[in-house]
């Protein structure tokens, strides 16, 4: 299961009239461990919502299939690369409040990088 997969239920283009609430049920087939979430959005602005495209999302629901952990090597590699760029930027900057602040930030990023490195 990819966190980037999208399943749409009753989109506005389905001919249904958009509403402010919904009661939806169904099932989702999953190929492996991962996570799911529910997103709701509108393709139209609403004057009472201070956003161009109002949306809502739930927290993830983690699914464990056959005892396998939810991991994506490709996603882990992406985050290792991304954190490497953030660390390079951190090391190039000199505008931290103190050396301790810079060191703590570097430690935090290196700890996060180690988590994603272990997932590859």
C-alpha atoms as a PDB file:
ATOM      1  CA  UNK A   1       0.000   0.000   0.000  1.00  0.00           C
ATOM      2  CA  UNK A   2       1.363   3.392  -0.896  1.00  0.00           C
ATOM      3  CA  UNK A   3       0.614   6.504   1.152  1.00  0.00           C
ATOM      4  CA  UNK A   4       0.320   8.244  -2.208  1.00  0.00           C
ATOM      5  CA  UNK A   5      -2.623   6.137  -3.417  1.00  0.00           C
ATOM      6  CA  UNK A   6      -5.940   7.882  -3.790  1.00  0.00           C
ATOM      7  CA  UNK A   7      -9.402   6.410  -3.747  1.00  0.00           C
ATOM      8  CA  UNK A   8     -12.232   8.837  -4.326  1.00  0.00           C
ATOM      9  CA  UNK A   9     -15.751   8.241  -3.078  1.00  0.00           C
ATOM     10  CA  UNK A  10     -18.588  10.250  -4.591  1.00  0.00           C
ATOM     11  CA  UNK A  11     -16.566  13.127  -6.083  1.00  0.00           C
ATOM     12  CA  UNK A  12     -18.431  16.284  -7.051  1.00  0.00           C
ATOM     13  CA  UNK A  13     -18.195  15.261 -10.717  1.00  0.00           C
ATOM     14  CA  UNK A  14     -20.292  12.147  -9.976  1.00  0.00           C
ATOM     15  CA  UNK A  15     -23.499  14.107 -10.363  1.00  0.00           C
ATOM     16  CA  UNK A  16     -24.203  14.150  -6.636  1.00  0.00           C
ATOM     17  CA  UNK A  17     -24.881  17.447  -4.944  1.00  0.00           C
ATOM     18  CA  UNK A  18     -21.982  18.431  -2.641  1.00  0.00           C
ATOM     19  CA  UNK A  19     -22.946  18.719   1.018  1.00  0.00           C
ATOM     20  CA  UNK A  20     -21.310  19.732   4.258  1.00  0.00           C
ATOM     21  CA  UNK A  21     -21.559  16.238   5.746  1.00  0.00           C
ATOM     22  CA  UNK A  22     -21.418  12.657   4.576  1.00  0.00           C
ATOM     23  CA  UNK A  23     -22.180   9.166   5.789  1.00  0.00           C
ATOM     24  CA  UNK A  24     -20.003   6.844   3.736  1.00  0.00           C
ATOM     25  CA  UNK A  25     -19.205   3.186   4.169  1.00  0.00           C
ATOM     26  CA  UNK A  26     -17.250   0.715   2.121  1.00  0.00           C
ATOM     27  CA  UNK A  27     -14.199  -1.457   2.102  1.00  0.00           C
ATOM     28  CA  UNK A  28     -10.633  -1.002   0.945  1.00  0.00           C
ATOM     29  CA  UNK A  29      -8.409  -3.824  -0.253  1.00  0.00           C
ATOM     30  CA  UNK A  30      -4.852  -3.532   0.980  1.00  0.00           C
ATOM     31  CA  UNK A  31      -1.892  -5.374  -0.482  1.00  0.00           C
ATOM     32  CA  UNK A  32       0.344  -5.001   2.536  1.00  0.00           C
ATOM     33  CA  UNK A  33       1.070  -3.089   5.702  1.00  0.00           C
ATOM     34  CA  UNK A  34       0.870   0.678   5.577  1.00  0.00           C
ATOM     35  CA  UNK A  35      -1.491   3.407   6.547  1.00  0.00           C
ATOM     36  CA  UNK A  36      -4.767   4.896   5.415  1.00  0.00           C
ATOM     37  CA  UNK A  37      -6.421   8.219   5.984  1.00  0.00           C
ATOM     38  CA  UNK A  38      -9.565   9.936   4.879  1.00  0.00           C
ATOM     39  CA  UNK A  39      -9.489  13.270   3.104  1.00  0.00           C
ATOM     40  CA  UNK A  40     -12.404  15.476   2.203  1.00  0.00           C
ATOM     41  CA  UNK A  41     -12.093  18.509  -0.011  1.00  0.00           C
ATOM     42  CA  UNK A  42     -13.959  20.927  -2.172  1.00  0.00           C
ATOM     43  CA  UNK A  43     -12.928  22.153  -5.567  1.00  0.00           C
ATOM     44  CA  UNK A  44     -14.804  25.387  -4.889  1.00  0.00           C
ATOM     45  CA  UNK A  45     -14.049  28.193  -2.471  1.00  0.00           C
ATOM     46  CA  UNK A  46     -16.547  28.901   0.297  1.00  0.00           C
ATOM     47  CA  UNK A  47     -16.994  32.411   1.742  1.00  0.00           C
ATOM     48  CA  UNK A  48     -17.060  31.129   5.338  1.00  0.00           C
ATOM     49  CA  UNK A  49     -13.787  29.195   4.946  1.00  0.00           C
ATOM     50  CA  UNK A  50     -10.673  31.328   4.705  1.00  0.00           C
ATOM     51  CA  UNK A  51      -8.934  29.074   2.219  1.00  0.00           C
ATOM     52  CA  UNK A  52      -9.027  28.741  -1.551  1.00  0.00           C
ATOM     53  CA  UNK A  53      -9.647  24.982  -1.453  1.00  0.00           C
ATOM     54  CA  UNK A  54     -11.105  23.869   1.890  1.00  0.00           C
ATOM     55  CA  UNK A  55     -10.132  20.374   2.972  1.00  0.00           C
ATOM     56  CA  UNK A  56      -9.964  18.097   5.990  1.00  0.00           C
ATOM     57  CA  UNK A  57      -7.960  14.975   6.777  1.00  0.00           C
ATOM     58  CA  UNK A  58      -7.940  12.367   9.506  1.00  0.00           C
ATOM     59  CA  UNK A  59      -4.888  11.108  11.304  1.00  0.00           C
ATOM     60  CA  UNK A  60      -3.415   7.973   9.752  1.00  0.00           C
ATOM     61  CA  UNK A  61      -4.894   4.582  10.532  1.00  0.00           C
ATOM     62  CA  UNK A  62      -2.012   2.097  10.592  1.00  0.00           C
ATOM     63  CA  UNK A  63      -2.670  -1.322   9.066  1.00  0.00           C
ATOM     64  CA  UNK A  64      -0.513  -4.343   9.829  1.00  0.00           C
ATOM     65  CA  UNK A  65      -0.863  -7.238   7.381  1.00  0.00           C
ATOM     66  CA  UNK A  66       0.653 -10.626   8.254  1.00  0.00           C
ATOM     67  CA  UNK A  67       2.869  -9.093  10.944  1.00  0.00           C
ATOM     68  CA  UNK A  68       4.878  -7.114   8.382  1.00  0.00           C
ATOM     69  CA  UNK A  69       5.942  -3.571   9.298  1.00  0.00           C
ATOM     70  CA  UNK A  70       4.689  -0.650   7.231  1.00  0.00           C
ATOM     71  CA  UNK A  71       7.760   0.402   5.294  1.00  0.00           C
ATOM     72  CA  UNK A  72       8.632   1.836   1.932  1.00  0.00           C
ATOM     73  CA  UNK A  73      12.298   1.699   0.960  1.00  0.00           C
ATOM     74  CA  UNK A  74      11.701   4.322  -1.722  1.00  0.00           C
ATOM     75  CA  UNK A  75      10.102   6.737   0.743  1.00  0.00           C
ATOM     76  CA  UNK A  76      12.872   6.119   3.293  1.00  0.00           C
ATOM     77  CA  UNK A  77      15.535   6.871   0.657  1.00  0.00           C
ATOM     78  CA  UNK A  78      13.703  10.086  -0.265  1.00  0.00           C
ATOM     79  CA  UNK A  79      13.750  11.266   3.354  1.00  0.00           C
ATOM     80  CA  UNK A  80      17.427  10.346   3.840  1.00  0.00           C
ATOM     81  CA  UNK A  81      18.259  12.485   0.797  1.00  0.00           C
ATOM     82  CA  UNK A  82      15.970  15.289   1.969  1.00  0.00           C
ATOM     83  CA  UNK A  83      17.476  15.322   5.481  1.00  0.00           C
ATOM     84  CA  UNK A  84      20.988  15.340   3.948  1.00  0.00           C
ATOM     85  CA  UNK A  85      20.045  18.563   2.122  1.00  0.00           C
ATOM     86  CA  UNK A  86      18.648  20.084   5.320  1.00  0.00           C
ATOM     87  CA  UNK A  87      21.856  19.159   7.193  1.00  0.00           C
ATOM     88  CA  UNK A  88      23.981  20.722   4.428  1.00  0.00           C
ATOM     89  CA  UNK A  89      21.944  23.923   4.744  1.00  0.00           C
ATOM     90  CA  UNK A  90      22.278  23.860   8.534  1.00  0.00           C
ATOM     91  CA  UNK A  91      26.057  23.490   8.320  1.00  0.00           C
ATOM     92  CA  UNK A  92      26.311  26.383   5.848  1.00  0.00           C
ATOM     93  CA  UNK A  93      24.358  28.799   8.032  1.00  0.00           C
ATOM     94  CA  UNK A  94      25.888  30.959  10.713  1.00  0.00           C
ATOM     95  CA  UNK A  95      22.809  32.634  12.128  1.00  0.00           C
ATOM     96  CA  UNK A  96      21.957  30.345  15.034  1.00  0.00           C
ATOM     97  CA  UNK A  97      21.468  31.889  18.472  1.00  0.00           C
ATOM     98  CA  UNK A  98      24.328  29.793  19.841  1.00  0.00           C
ATOM     99  CA  UNK A  99      26.655  26.923  19.015  1.00  0.00           C
ATOM    100  CA  UNK A 100      24.546  24.769  21.367  1.00  0.00           C
ATOM    101  CA  UNK A 101      21.396  25.507  19.379  1.00  0.00           C
ATOM    102  CA  UNK A 102      23.111  24.567  16.111  1.00  0.00           C
ATOM    103  CA  UNK A 103      24.519  21.398  17.685  1.00  0.00           C
ATOM    104  CA  UNK A 104      21.121  20.377  19.097  1.00  0.00           C
ATOM    105  CA  UNK A 105      19.476  20.931  15.708  1.00  0.00           C
ATOM    106  CA  UNK A 106      22.160  18.861  13.976  1.00  0.00           C
ATOM    107  CA  UNK A 107      21.732  16.071  16.527  1.00  0.00           C
ATOM    108  CA  UNK A 108      17.959  16.093  16.001  1.00  0.00           C
ATOM    109  CA  UNK A 109      18.361  15.814  12.214  1.00  0.00           C
ATOM    110  CA  UNK A 110      21.014  13.105  12.435  1.00  0.00           C
ATOM    111  CA  UNK A 111      18.719  11.084  14.723  1.00  0.00           C
ATOM    112  CA  UNK A 112      15.872  11.379  12.216  1.00  0.00           C
ATOM    113  CA  UNK A 113      18.206  10.436   9.363  1.00  0.00           C
ATOM    114  CA  UNK A 114      19.278   7.287  11.220  1.00  0.00           C
ATOM    115  CA  UNK A 115      15.638   6.175  11.519  1.00  0.00           C
ATOM    116  CA  UNK A 116      15.086   6.479   7.752  1.00  0.00           C
ATOM    117  CA  UNK A 117      18.488   4.992   6.960  1.00  0.00           C
ATOM    118  CA  UNK A 118      17.509   1.861   8.896  1.00  0.00           C
ATOM    119  CA  UNK A 119      14.337   1.524   6.791  1.00  0.00           C
ATOM    120  CA  UNK A 120      16.204   1.250   3.490  1.00  0.00           C
END
